[in-house]
Amino acid sequence: MKLKRIKYPYGARVLAVNPARKLYEREGFIVQTQTKERIHMEYAPVK
């Protein structure tokens, strides 16, 4: 992923059962909210 170059916060939504969540977490996304079905994540680059 090329998110390291993004200068502003970026959000992502994944299904709770989606294994891609681990990829997002490795890339620096953090969980903002979580429901039974979905996980809302955000990438906030260090300024």
C-alpha atoms as a PDB file:
ATOM      1  CA  MET A   1       0.000   0.000   0.000  1.00  0.00           C
ATOM      2  CA  LYS A   2       1.162   3.532  -0.666  1.00  0.00           C
ATOM      3  CA  LEU A   3      -0.585   5.263   2.208  1.00  0.00           C
ATOM      4  CA  LYS A   4       2.687   6.438   3.695  1.00  0.00           C
ATOM      5  CA  ARG A   5       2.618   9.316   1.173  1.00  0.00           C
ATOM      6  CA  ILE A   6      -0.890  10.491   2.058  1.00  0.00           C
ATOM      7  CA  LYS A   7      -0.845  13.712   4.052  1.00  0.00           C
ATOM      8  CA  TYR A   8      -4.416  13.627   5.394  1.00  0.00           C
ATOM      9  CA  PRO A   9      -6.555  11.109   7.343  1.00  0.00           C
ATOM     10  CA  TYR A  10      -8.043   8.298   5.290  1.00  0.00           C
ATOM     11  CA  GLY A  11     -10.897   6.018   6.354  1.00  0.00           C
ATOM     12  CA  ALA A  12     -11.719   2.419   5.493  1.00  0.00           C
ATOM     13  CA  ARG A  13     -14.632   0.142   6.261  1.00  0.00           C
ATOM     14  CA  VAL A  14     -14.257  -3.631   6.302  1.00  0.00           C
ATOM     15  CA  LEU A  15     -16.512  -6.503   7.232  1.00  0.00           C
ATOM     16  CA  ALA A  16     -15.706  -7.850  10.679  1.00  0.00           C
ATOM     17  CA  VAL A  17     -14.930 -11.298   9.234  1.00  0.00           C
ATOM     18  CA  ASN A  18     -12.600  -9.925   6.526  1.00  0.00           C
ATOM     19  CA  PRO A  19      -8.957 -10.967   7.068  1.00  0.00           C
ATOM     20  CA  ALA A  20      -7.858  -7.741   5.308  1.00  0.00           C
ATOM     21  CA  ARG A  21      -8.248  -6.039   8.684  1.00  0.00           C
ATOM     22  CA  LYS A  22      -4.800  -7.334   9.640  1.00  0.00           C
ATOM     23  CA  LEU A  23      -3.311  -5.795   6.499  1.00  0.00           C
ATOM     24  CA  TYR A  24      -4.835  -2.420   7.315  1.00  0.00           C
ATOM     25  CA  GLU A  25      -3.532  -2.628  10.881  1.00  0.00           C
ATOM     26  CA  ARG A  26      -0.017  -3.441   9.641  1.00  0.00           C
ATOM     27  CA  GLU A  27      -0.185  -0.377   7.400  1.00  0.00           C
ATOM     28  CA  GLY A  28      -1.037   1.890  10.326  1.00  0.00           C
ATOM     29  CA  PHE A  29      -4.851   1.975  10.379  1.00  0.00           C
ATOM     30  CA  ILE A  30      -6.513   2.047  13.782  1.00  0.00           C
ATOM     31  CA  VAL A  31     -10.042   0.934  14.664  1.00  0.00           C
ATOM     32  CA  GLN A  32     -12.338   3.897  15.283  1.00  0.00           C
ATOM     33  CA  THR A  33     -15.643   2.094  15.771  1.00  0.00           C
ATOM     34  CA  GLN A  34     -16.866  -1.435  15.433  1.00  0.00           C
ATOM     35  CA  THR A  35     -20.315  -2.932  14.981  1.00  0.00           C
ATOM     36  CA  LYS A  36     -21.321  -6.555  14.855  1.00  0.00           C
ATOM     37  CA  GLU A  37     -20.812  -6.575  11.066  1.00  0.00           C
ATOM     38  CA  ARG A  38     -18.352  -3.790  10.212  1.00  0.00           C
ATOM     39  CA  ILE A  39     -15.121  -2.250  11.392  1.00  0.00           C
ATOM     40  CA  HIS A  40     -14.473   1.430  10.698  1.00  0.00           C
ATOM     41  CA  MET A  41     -10.767   2.236  10.553  1.00  0.00           C
ATOM     42  CA  GLU A  42      -8.736   5.371   9.965  1.00  0.00           C
ATOM     43  CA  TYR A  43      -5.200   6.041   8.837  1.00  0.00           C
ATOM     44  CA  ALA A  44      -3.779   9.244  10.273  1.00  0.00           C
ATOM     45  CA  PRO A  45      -0.275  10.001   9.035  1.00  0.00           C
ATOM     46  CA  VAL A  46       2.265  11.345  11.475  1.00  0.00           C
ATOM     47  CA  LYS A  47       2.874  15.026  10.825  1.00  0.00           C
END
